[in-house]
C-alpha cells in the first residue's frame, strides 16, 4: 500500500465507524482513552472558567452566550485557540440541539487537530494524540450516525469546513499539513458521494434513519 493510500485509509476509517463494528477500534484505543478521557472532560470547564462572568449578567450569561452565536461568530472566536476548542464547541452545540452546527465543528476539529498532529509527529503519544483519539472515540459515533443520515448536507458541511479553513490562519499547524489533511477530507467526501446509495441501504438494514433520499 502506498503512503497516499495508507493516509486515505486512515481518514476513511473514522468516517465508516457508524457502518462497521467498533469492537476492534475500541480495543485499540482503550489505553489512550484511559489517560485521555479525563483531559477531554476538562476542556469545557476550563474554557468556561477562562471566559469568566459577563460584564452585565454574571457567569450564567457567559456560559449560555455561545448558544446564541452564529457558526461564523463561534468559529471566529476559536480561530487562534488549540484544535480541541472546536471539539468543545461541538459538545456545547450538540447538547443544545444544534446538531447540524455541531457537525461543522466536529469536522473542523478533525481537520485542525489532524493537521496539528501531522505538523508535530514527535508529540508525546499520551498527550495530544491520546486526547484526539479519545475525542474521536467518544464524539465520533453519535455525530457521524446523525450526519450520515443526510449525505448531501454532510457533503455541503465538509465543503464549508474546507472553505473556512482556506480563509483563516491556523496558529498550530503548517500550511503543508493543513493542505494534506484537506486533500484527505476531499477524498473522503468523494468516496461518500460515490457510496451514498450503499450507505443509505446499510443504514436502513441497521434500523438507522435516513433524513434525505
Protein backbone atom coordinates (compact mmCIF):
# COMPACT_ATOMS: atom_id res chain seq x y z
CA UNK A 1 0.00 0.00 0.00
CA UNK A 2 1.38 3.41 -0.97
CA UNK A 3 1.72 6.21 1.58
CA UNK A 4 -1.12 8.08 -0.14
CA UNK A 5 -3.41 5.05 0.03
CA UNK A 6 -2.47 4.47 3.66
CA UNK A 7 -3.35 8.06 4.58
CA UNK A 8 -6.67 7.78 2.79
CA UNK A 9 -7.43 4.51 4.54
CA UNK A 10 -6.82 6.11 7.92
CA UNK A 11 -9.07 9.08 7.17
CA UNK A 12 -11.87 6.90 5.83
CA UNK A 13 -11.71 4.62 8.84
CA UNK A 14 -13.17 7.35 11.03
CA UNK A 15 -15.92 8.08 8.50
CA UNK A 16 -17.00 4.46 8.26
CA UNK A 17 -17.20 3.95 12.02
CA UNK A 18 -21.01 4.02 12.00
CA UNK A 19 -21.14 1.37 9.28
CA UNK A 20 -18.71 -1.18 10.72
CA UNK A 21 -18.32 -2.97 14.06
CA UNK A 22 -16.46 -0.86 16.57
CA UNK A 23 -15.09 -3.55 18.92
CA UNK A 24 -11.63 -3.63 17.36
CA UNK A 25 -11.43 0.15 17.23
CA UNK A 26 -12.44 0.48 20.87
CA UNK A 27 -9.91 -2.14 21.91
CA UNK A 28 -7.12 -0.37 20.06
CA UNK A 29 -7.98 2.92 21.74
CA UNK A 30 -8.57 1.62 25.25
CA UNK A 31 -5.13 2.52 26.53
CA UNK A 32 -5.31 6.02 25.11
CA UNK A 33 -8.81 6.54 26.44
CA UNK A 34 -7.82 5.62 29.97
CA UNK A 35 -5.47 8.57 30.20
CA UNK A 36 -7.16 10.99 27.87
CA UNK A 37 -10.85 10.93 28.71
CA UNK A 38 -10.21 12.89 31.87
CA UNK A 39 -8.47 15.54 29.77
CA UNK A 40 -11.39 15.62 27.35
CA UNK A 41 -13.90 16.18 30.13
CA UNK A 42 -11.84 19.08 31.44
CA UNK A 43 -11.87 21.08 28.19
CA UNK A 44 -15.30 22.66 28.64
CA UNK A 45 -14.95 23.62 32.32
CA UNK A 46 -11.55 25.19 31.65
CA UNK A 47 -12.89 27.27 28.79
CA UNK A 48 -15.88 28.48 30.77
CA UNK A 49 -13.57 29.38 33.64
CA UNK A 50 -11.35 31.39 31.29
CA UNK A 51 -14.37 33.24 29.92
CA UNK A 52 -15.45 34.38 33.38
CA UNK A 53 -18.68 36.27 34.13
CA UNK A 54 -20.00 38.78 31.64
CA UNK A 55 -19.87 42.48 32.45
CA UNK A 56 -23.62 42.72 32.95
CA UNK A 57 -25.10 39.32 33.65
CA UNK A 58 -22.70 37.12 35.56
CA UNK A 59 -21.45 33.61 34.95
CA UNK A 60 -24.74 32.15 33.71
CA UNK A 61 -24.92 34.63 30.83
CA UNK A 62 -21.30 33.87 29.94
CA UNK A 63 -21.90 30.14 29.86
CA UNK A 64 -25.01 30.43 27.67
CA UNK A 65 -23.68 33.03 25.26
CA UNK A 66 -22.21 30.56 22.72
CA UNK A 67 -25.67 29.07 22.15
CA UNK A 68 -26.95 32.34 20.69
CA UNK A 69 -23.99 32.91 18.36
CA UNK A 70 -23.83 32.05 14.68
CA UNK A 71 -21.45 29.42 13.36
CA UNK A 72 -19.35 32.20 11.85
CA UNK A 73 -19.05 34.02 15.17
CA UNK A 74 -18.23 30.85 17.06
CA UNK A 75 -15.60 29.83 14.50
CA UNK A 76 -14.01 33.28 14.62
CA UNK A 77 -13.87 33.03 18.40
CA UNK A 78 -11.80 29.82 18.38
CA UNK A 79 -9.63 30.51 15.33
CA UNK A 80 -6.50 31.19 17.38
CA UNK A 81 -7.17 28.57 20.05
CA UNK A 82 -5.90 24.96 20.12
CA UNK A 83 -7.78 22.49 17.89
CA UNK A 84 -9.52 20.97 20.91
CA UNK A 85 -11.61 24.15 21.11
CA UNK A 86 -13.54 23.06 18.02
CA UNK A 87 -14.45 19.77 19.72
CA UNK A 88 -15.50 21.68 22.81
CA UNK A 89 -17.79 23.84 20.67
CA UNK A 90 -19.13 20.66 19.08
CA UNK A 91 -20.08 19.34 22.52
CA UNK A 92 -21.84 22.55 23.53
CA UNK A 93 -23.85 22.78 20.30
CA UNK A 94 -24.71 19.08 20.23
CA UNK A 95 -26.06 19.12 23.75
CA UNK A 96 -28.06 22.27 22.91
CA UNK A 97 -29.72 20.52 19.96
CA UNK A 98 -27.86 22.47 17.27
CA UNK A 99 -26.78 19.21 15.66
CA UNK A 100 -26.04 20.46 12.14
CA UNK A 101 -23.80 23.19 13.55
CA UNK A 102 -22.14 20.62 15.81
CA UNK A 103 -21.28 18.53 12.73
CA UNK A 104 -19.50 21.54 11.23
CA UNK A 105 -17.29 21.99 14.30
CA UNK A 106 -16.69 18.26 14.62
CA UNK A 107 -15.18 18.14 11.13
CA UNK A 108 -13.37 21.43 11.64
CA UNK A 109 -11.88 19.98 14.81
CA UNK A 110 -10.78 16.88 12.94
CA UNK A 111 -9.15 18.94 10.22
CA UNK A 112 -7.23 21.20 12.56
CA UNK A 113 -6.27 18.55 15.10
CA UNK A 114 -5.05 16.15 12.40
CA UNK A 115 -3.02 18.97 10.88
CA UNK A 116 -1.59 19.78 14.31
CA UNK A 117 -0.50 16.17 14.83
CA UNK A 118 0.91 15.91 11.32
CA UNK A 119 2.92 19.08 11.89
CA UNK A 120 4.31 17.67 15.15
CA UNK A 121 4.87 13.93 14.67
CA UNK A 122 7.06 13.65 17.78
CA UNK A 123 4.44 14.73 20.30
CA UNK A 124 4.14 12.56 23.39
CA UNK A 125 1.62 9.83 22.38
CA UNK A 126 -0.01 10.06 25.80
CA UNK A 127 -0.71 13.78 25.37
CA UNK A 128 -2.40 15.42 22.39
CA UNK A 129 -2.55 12.28 20.22
CA UNK A 130 -4.31 10.40 23.01
CA UNK A 131 -6.68 13.31 23.57
CA UNK A 132 -7.56 13.38 19.87
CA UNK A 133 -8.23 9.63 19.88
CA UNK A 134 -10.41 9.99 22.96
CA UNK A 135 -12.43 12.84 21.44
CA UNK A 136 -12.93 10.91 18.20
CA UNK A 137 -13.90 7.72 20.01
CA UNK A 138 -16.44 9.40 22.27
CA UNK A 139 -17.90 12.05 19.94
CA UNK A 140 -17.46 10.43 16.53
CA UNK A 141 -20.03 7.61 16.58
CA UNK A 142 -23.16 9.60 17.55
CA UNK A 143 -22.23 12.61 15.42
CA UNK A 144 -21.40 10.54 12.33
CA UNK A 145 -24.53 8.47 12.83
CA UNK A 146 -26.55 11.70 12.70
CA UNK A 147 -24.55 13.32 9.88
CA UNK A 148 -24.69 10.34 7.52
CA UNK A 149 -28.49 10.38 7.58
CA UNK A 150 -28.30 13.25 5.07
CA UNK A 151 -25.40 12.71 2.68
CA UNK A 152 -25.93 15.90 0.67
CA UNK A 153 -25.95 18.05 3.81
CA UNK A 154 -22.85 16.26 5.10
CA UNK A 155 -21.00 16.90 1.83
CA UNK A 156 -22.02 20.56 1.92
CA UNK A 157 -20.77 20.79 5.50
CA UNK A 158 -17.40 19.25 4.60
CA UNK A 159 -17.05 21.74 1.75
CA UNK A 160 -17.92 24.56 4.14
CA UNK A 161 -15.30 23.37 6.63
CA UNK A 162 -12.62 23.28 3.93
CA UNK A 163 -13.60 26.72 2.67
CA UNK A 164 -13.46 28.15 6.19
CA UNK A 165 -10.01 26.72 6.80
CA UNK A 166 -8.82 28.07 3.43
CA UNK A 167 -9.70 31.58 4.56
CA UNK A 168 -8.40 31.54 8.14
CA UNK A 169 -4.96 31.21 9.68
CA UNK A 170 -4.00 28.30 11.91
CA UNK A 171 -1.53 29.01 14.70
CA UNK A 172 -0.97 25.32 15.47
CA UNK A 173 -0.24 23.65 12.11
CA UNK A 174 1.83 24.18 9.00
CA UNK A 175 0.29 25.05 5.65
CA UNK A 176 1.60 21.80 4.17
CA UNK A 177 -0.03 19.73 6.90
CA UNK A 178 -3.33 21.56 6.52
CA UNK A 179 -3.37 21.01 2.76
CA UNK A 180 -2.58 17.32 3.22
CA UNK A 181 -5.45 16.85 5.66
CA UNK A 182 -7.83 18.80 3.44
CA UNK A 183 -6.85 16.61 0.50
CA UNK A 184 -7.79 13.54 2.56
CA UNK A 185 -11.05 15.21 3.58
CA UNK A 186 -11.91 15.84 -0.07
CA UNK A 187 -11.17 12.19 -0.89
CA UNK A 188 -13.43 11.13 1.96
CA UNK A 189 -16.17 13.43 0.66
CA UNK A 190 -15.88 11.99 -2.84
CA UNK A 191 -15.92 8.44 -1.50
CA UNK A 192 -19.07 9.14 0.50
CA UNK A 193 -20.76 10.59 -2.58
CA UNK A 194 -19.79 7.56 -4.64
CA UNK A 195 -21.12 5.21 -1.96
CA UNK A 196 -24.21 7.16 -0.91
CA UNK A 197 -26.71 4.54 -2.07
CA UNK A 198 -24.77 1.82 -0.27
CA UNK A 199 -24.56 3.93 2.87
CA UNK A 200 -28.31 4.61 2.88
CA UNK A 201 -29.06 0.93 2.29
CA UNK A 202 -26.73 -0.17 5.08
CA UNK A 203 -28.30 2.35 7.47
CA UNK A 204 -31.77 1.07 6.66
CA UNK A 205 -30.67 -2.51 7.23
CA UNK A 206 -29.34 -1.50 10.65
CA UNK A 207 -32.54 0.37 11.54
CA UNK A 208 -30.96 3.80 11.27
CA UNK A 209 -32.98 6.65 9.76
CA UNK A 210 -32.17 8.43 6.51
CA UNK A 211 -33.35 12.02 6.63
CA UNK A 212 -32.96 12.54 2.88
CA UNK A 213 -33.47 10.14 -0.05
